[in-house]
Protein backbone atom coordinates (compact mmCIF):
# COMPACT_ATOMS: atom_id res chain seq x y z
CA MET A 1 3.41 22.09 4.44
CA THR A 2 5.69 20.24 6.85
CA ASP A 3 6.32 16.52 7.08
CA THR A 4 4.02 16.39 10.12
CA ASP A 5 1.19 17.58 7.84
CA HIS A 6 1.63 14.69 5.44
CA ILE A 7 -0.53 11.60 5.71
CA HIS A 8 1.25 8.39 6.55
CA LEU A 9 -0.37 4.99 6.01
CA ILE A 10 0.36 1.44 6.99
CA ALA A 11 -1.46 -1.09 4.80
CA HIS A 12 -1.58 -4.77 5.75
CA LEU A 13 -2.22 -7.29 2.98
CA VAL A 14 -2.57 -10.85 4.28
CA ALA A 15 -2.12 -13.42 1.54
CA LYS A 16 -4.18 -16.55 1.14
CA THR A 17 -2.20 -19.75 1.65
CA GLY A 18 -0.40 -20.50 -1.59
CA LYS A 19 -0.85 -16.95 -2.90
CA GLU A 20 2.02 -15.33 -1.01
CA GLN A 21 4.41 -15.01 -3.95
CA ALA A 22 1.67 -13.95 -6.34
CA LEU A 23 0.72 -11.14 -3.94
CA ILE A 24 4.35 -10.06 -3.57
CA ASP A 25 4.83 -10.06 -7.33
CA ALA A 26 1.64 -8.05 -7.90
CA VAL A 27 2.62 -5.46 -5.29
CA LEU A 28 6.15 -5.12 -6.63
CA ALA A 29 4.79 -4.66 -10.15
CA VAL A 30 2.90 -1.47 -9.21
CA VAL A 31 5.57 0.14 -7.01
CA PRO A 32 7.46 2.05 -9.74
CA ALA A 33 4.30 3.62 -11.19
CA VAL A 34 2.85 4.50 -7.78
CA ARG A 35 6.08 6.21 -6.74
CA GLU A 36 5.65 8.51 -9.76
CA GLU A 37 2.09 9.53 -8.80
CA PRO A 38 1.60 13.16 -7.78
CA GLY A 39 1.76 13.55 -4.02
CA CYS A 40 3.49 10.24 -3.34
CA ILE A 41 6.31 10.77 -0.87
CA ALA A 42 6.97 7.13 0.00
CA TYR A 43 5.53 3.79 -1.11
CA VAL A 44 7.63 1.04 0.42
CA PRO A 45 6.60 -2.63 0.52
CA HIS A 46 7.78 -4.87 3.34
CA LEU A 47 7.28 -8.52 4.21
CA SER A 48 6.31 -9.07 7.84
CA ARG A 49 8.82 -11.08 9.84
CA GLU A 50 6.17 -11.79 12.48
CA HIS A 51 3.28 -12.73 10.19
CA PRO A 52 4.44 -14.83 7.22
CA GLY A 53 2.57 -14.06 4.02
CA THR A 54 1.71 -10.53 5.10
CA VAL A 55 2.86 -7.62 2.95
CA VAL A 56 3.02 -4.35 4.87
CA MET A 57 3.05 -1.15 2.85
CA VAL A 58 4.54 1.93 4.47
CA GLU A 59 3.27 4.97 2.63
CA ALA A 60 3.46 8.74 2.88
CA TRP A 61 1.31 11.14 0.88
CA GLU A 62 1.20 14.91 0.65
CA ASP A 63 -2.51 15.09 1.41
CA GLN A 64 -5.86 13.31 1.19
CA ALA A 65 -6.30 14.40 -2.43
CA ALA A 66 -3.13 12.50 -3.35
CA ILE A 67 -4.44 9.38 -1.58
CA ASP A 68 -7.79 9.71 -3.31
CA ALA A 69 -6.10 10.03 -6.70
CA HIS A 70 -3.95 6.99 -5.90
CA THR A 71 -6.90 4.80 -4.93
CA ALA A 72 -8.73 5.83 -8.12
CA GLY A 73 -5.64 5.42 -10.30
CA ALA A 74 -4.82 2.60 -12.66
CA SER A 75 -2.04 1.01 -10.59
CA PHE A 76 -4.03 0.62 -7.38
CA THR A 77 -7.32 -0.32 -9.05
CA ALA A 78 -5.57 -3.06 -11.07
CA LEU A 79 -4.04 -4.44 -7.88
CA ALA A 80 -7.25 -4.09 -5.87
CA ALA A 81 -9.18 -5.93 -8.58
CA ARG A 82 -7.15 -9.01 -7.64
CA PHE A 83 -7.58 -8.75 -3.86
CA ASP A 84 -10.26 -11.47 -3.84
CA GLU A 85 -7.76 -13.77 -5.53
CA PHE A 86 -4.82 -12.90 -3.25
CA LEU A 87 -6.08 -11.83 0.17
CA ALA A 88 -7.22 -14.01 3.04
CA GLU A 89 -8.83 -11.02 4.77
CA PRO A 90 -9.79 -7.47 3.81
CA LEU A 91 -7.06 -4.90 3.33
CA ARG A 92 -6.40 -3.19 6.66
CA LEU A 93 -5.32 0.45 6.62
CA GLU A 94 -3.94 2.47 9.49
CA THR A 95 -3.65 6.22 8.96
CA LEU A 96 -0.99 8.03 10.93
CA ARG A 97 -0.05 11.60 11.73
CA ARG A 98 3.64 12.09 12.36
CA LEU A 99 4.41 13.75 15.68
CA ALA A 100 8.03 14.78 15.10
């Protein structure tokens, strides 16, 4: 499998007003465990410079099975259980295929 076969994701998490730091803290809390999950190549949180209060996750996974295991795993499900509390809009995912 080459890097162009891996699945890359961009996840946008837009915080409710007043919940920005709580969202950041919750995301940062799961990063170490997620990075240890099988098939995780990259799991890198960013804060948007253009859209304050938006956390942008840049992720790379070996395959769809790794993503499926991640979304069913304890770290993501614990975070997702709090999305109603933190997010102003639904999580937006963009799936990418690397060209080069």
